[in-house]
């Protein structure tokens, strides 16, 4: 299980490296699943992920 710091860092690297595509979003969700359900970081990153999905170009 990853720490919150590791998940946050990995999430940011993933989005930056792979861009806003469906596969990236799926990988990001897998990372967030490593966090506790009640984690504030989990909720914040899921919100960011939802926003990124909204602004991403359709495939």
N, C-alpha and C. Protein backbone atom coordinates (compact mmCIF):
# COMPACT_ATOMS: atom_id res chain seq x y z
N UNK A 1 0.85 -1.18 0.00
CA UNK A 1 0.00 0.00 0.00
C UNK A 1 0.89 1.24 0.00
N UNK A 2 0.57 2.19 -0.84
CA UNK A 2 1.34 3.41 -0.97
C UNK A 2 0.90 4.45 0.06
N UNK A 3 1.82 5.34 0.43
CA UNK A 3 1.46 6.44 1.31
C UNK A 3 0.73 7.51 0.52
N UNK A 4 0.08 8.43 1.22
CA UNK A 4 -0.63 9.51 0.54
C UNK A 4 0.34 10.35 -0.30
N UNK A 5 1.52 10.58 0.23
CA UNK A 5 2.52 11.36 -0.49
C UNK A 5 2.93 10.66 -1.78
N UNK A 6 3.13 9.36 -1.72
CA UNK A 6 3.50 8.60 -2.91
C UNK A 6 2.39 8.61 -3.94
N UNK A 7 1.16 8.46 -3.50
CA UNK A 7 0.02 8.48 -4.42
C UNK A 7 -0.09 9.85 -5.08
N UNK A 8 0.02 10.90 -4.29
CA UNK A 8 -0.07 12.26 -4.84
C UNK A 8 1.01 12.49 -5.89
N UNK A 9 2.23 12.13 -5.58
CA UNK A 9 3.35 12.31 -6.50
C UNK A 9 3.15 11.47 -7.77
N UNK A 10 2.75 10.23 -7.61
CA UNK A 10 2.52 9.35 -8.77
C UNK A 10 1.38 9.85 -9.64
N UNK A 11 0.32 10.35 -9.02
CA UNK A 11 -0.83 10.89 -9.74
C UNK A 11 -0.39 12.05 -10.63
N UNK A 12 0.37 12.97 -10.06
CA UNK A 12 0.82 14.15 -10.81
C UNK A 12 1.76 13.75 -11.96
N UNK A 13 2.67 12.84 -11.70
CA UNK A 13 3.60 12.37 -12.75
C UNK A 13 2.84 11.68 -13.88
N UNK A 14 1.87 10.87 -13.52
CA UNK A 14 1.08 10.13 -14.50
C UNK A 14 0.34 11.08 -15.43
N UNK A 15 -0.35 12.04 -14.87
CA UNK A 15 -1.12 13.00 -15.68
C UNK A 15 -0.18 13.80 -16.58
N UNK A 16 0.92 14.23 -16.04
CA UNK A 16 1.87 15.03 -16.81
C UNK A 16 2.51 14.22 -17.93
N UNK A 17 2.88 12.98 -17.65
CA UNK A 17 3.60 12.15 -18.63
C UNK A 17 2.70 11.60 -19.73
N UNK A 18 1.50 11.18 -19.36
CA UNK A 18 0.65 10.47 -20.33
C UNK A 18 -0.44 11.32 -20.94
N UNK A 19 -0.75 12.44 -20.34
CA UNK A 19 -1.78 13.30 -20.91
C UNK A 19 -3.18 12.89 -20.51
N UNK A 20 -4.15 13.57 -21.09
CA UNK A 20 -5.55 13.40 -20.72
C UNK A 20 -6.25 12.41 -21.65
N UNK A 21 -5.96 11.13 -21.44
CA UNK A 21 -6.59 10.07 -22.23
C UNK A 21 -7.23 9.06 -21.28
N UNK A 22 -8.12 8.27 -21.80
CA UNK A 22 -8.88 7.32 -20.99
C UNK A 22 -7.98 6.38 -20.20
N UNK A 23 -6.94 5.87 -20.83
CA UNK A 23 -6.05 4.94 -20.14
C UNK A 23 -5.37 5.61 -18.95
N UNK A 24 -5.04 6.87 -19.08
CA UNK A 24 -4.42 7.61 -17.98
C UNK A 24 -5.40 7.74 -16.82
N UNK A 25 -6.64 8.04 -17.15
CA UNK A 25 -7.65 8.18 -16.10
C UNK A 25 -7.85 6.86 -15.36
N UNK A 26 -7.83 5.76 -16.10
CA UNK A 26 -7.98 4.45 -15.47
C UNK A 26 -6.82 4.15 -14.52
N UNK A 27 -5.60 4.46 -14.96
CA UNK A 27 -4.42 4.25 -14.11
C UNK A 27 -4.48 5.14 -12.87
N UNK A 28 -4.94 6.36 -13.05
CA UNK A 28 -5.04 7.29 -11.92
C UNK A 28 -6.05 6.77 -10.90
N UNK A 29 -7.16 6.23 -11.36
CA UNK A 29 -8.16 5.66 -10.44
C UNK A 29 -7.58 4.50 -9.66
N UNK A 30 -6.77 3.68 -10.32
CA UNK A 30 -6.13 2.56 -9.62
C UNK A 30 -5.22 3.07 -8.50
N UNK A 31 -4.51 4.16 -8.77
CA UNK A 31 -3.67 4.75 -7.73
C UNK A 31 -4.52 5.23 -6.55
N UNK A 32 -5.62 5.89 -6.86
CA UNK A 32 -6.47 6.45 -5.81
C UNK A 32 -7.13 5.35 -4.98
N UNK A 33 -7.32 4.19 -5.57
CA UNK A 33 -7.91 3.07 -4.83
C UNK A 33 -6.99 2.56 -3.72
N UNK A 34 -5.69 2.95 -3.77
CA UNK A 34 -4.76 2.57 -2.71
C UNK A 34 -4.96 3.40 -1.45
N UNK A 35 -5.69 4.50 -1.57
CA UNK A 35 -5.93 5.36 -0.41
C UNK A 35 -7.16 4.90 0.36
N UNK A 36 -7.18 5.21 1.64
CA UNK A 36 -8.34 4.89 2.47
C UNK A 36 -9.57 5.61 1.92
N UNK A 37 -10.73 4.99 2.01
CA UNK A 37 -11.95 5.62 1.49
C UNK A 37 -12.25 6.98 2.12
N UNK A 38 -11.87 7.18 3.37
CA UNK A 38 -12.17 8.44 4.05
C UNK A 38 -11.06 9.49 3.90
N UNK A 39 -10.04 9.18 3.15
CA UNK A 39 -8.90 10.08 2.98
C UNK A 39 -9.30 11.37 2.26
N UNK A 40 -8.97 12.53 2.85
CA UNK A 40 -9.24 13.81 2.17
C UNK A 40 -8.49 13.91 0.83
N UNK A 41 -7.29 13.36 0.78
CA UNK A 41 -6.53 13.39 -0.47
C UNK A 41 -7.26 12.60 -1.56
N UNK A 42 -7.80 11.47 -1.20
CA UNK A 42 -8.55 10.66 -2.17
C UNK A 42 -9.71 11.47 -2.75
N UNK A 43 -10.45 12.14 -1.90
CA UNK A 43 -11.59 12.93 -2.37
C UNK A 43 -11.13 14.09 -3.25
N UNK A 44 -10.04 14.74 -2.86
CA UNK A 44 -9.54 15.87 -3.64
C UNK A 44 -9.04 15.41 -5.01
N UNK A 45 -8.29 14.32 -5.05
CA UNK A 45 -7.76 13.85 -6.33
C UNK A 45 -8.86 13.29 -7.23
N UNK A 46 -9.87 12.66 -6.65
CA UNK A 46 -11.00 12.21 -7.47
C UNK A 46 -11.73 13.42 -8.07
N UNK A 47 -11.83 14.50 -7.31
CA UNK A 47 -12.46 15.72 -7.85
C UNK A 47 -11.63 16.28 -9.00
N UNK A 48 -10.30 16.30 -8.80
CA UNK A 48 -9.42 16.78 -9.87
C UNK A 48 -9.54 15.89 -11.10
N UNK A 49 -9.61 14.60 -10.88
CA UNK A 49 -9.73 13.65 -11.99
C UNK A 49 -11.02 13.88 -12.76
N UNK A 50 -12.11 14.13 -12.05
CA UNK A 50 -13.39 14.43 -12.70
C UNK A 50 -13.28 15.70 -13.55
N UNK A 51 -12.61 16.72 -13.01
CA UNK A 51 -12.44 17.96 -13.75
C UNK A 51 -11.58 17.74 -15.00
N UNK A 52 -10.52 16.95 -14.87
CA UNK A 52 -9.67 16.66 -16.02
C UNK A 52 -10.43 15.90 -17.10
N UNK A 53 -11.29 14.99 -16.68
CA UNK A 53 -12.11 14.26 -17.66
C UNK A 53 -13.02 15.21 -18.43
N UNK A 54 -13.56 16.19 -17.73
CA UNK A 54 -14.46 17.15 -18.38
C UNK A 54 -13.75 18.00 -19.43
N UNK A 55 -12.50 18.34 -19.18
CA UNK A 55 -11.78 19.21 -20.12
C UNK A 55 -10.99 18.43 -21.17
N UNK A 56 -10.92 17.11 -21.02
CA UNK A 56 -10.13 16.32 -21.97
C UNK A 56 -10.87 16.22 -23.31
N UNK A 57 -10.08 16.20 -24.39
CA UNK A 57 -10.70 16.04 -25.71
C UNK A 57 -11.31 14.64 -25.84
N UNK A 58 -12.39 14.53 -26.53
CA UNK A 58 -13.01 13.23 -26.77
C UNK A 58 -12.14 12.40 -27.66
N UNK A 59 -12.12 11.10 -27.37
CA UNK A 59 -11.31 10.20 -28.22
C UNK A 59 -12.16 9.64 -29.32
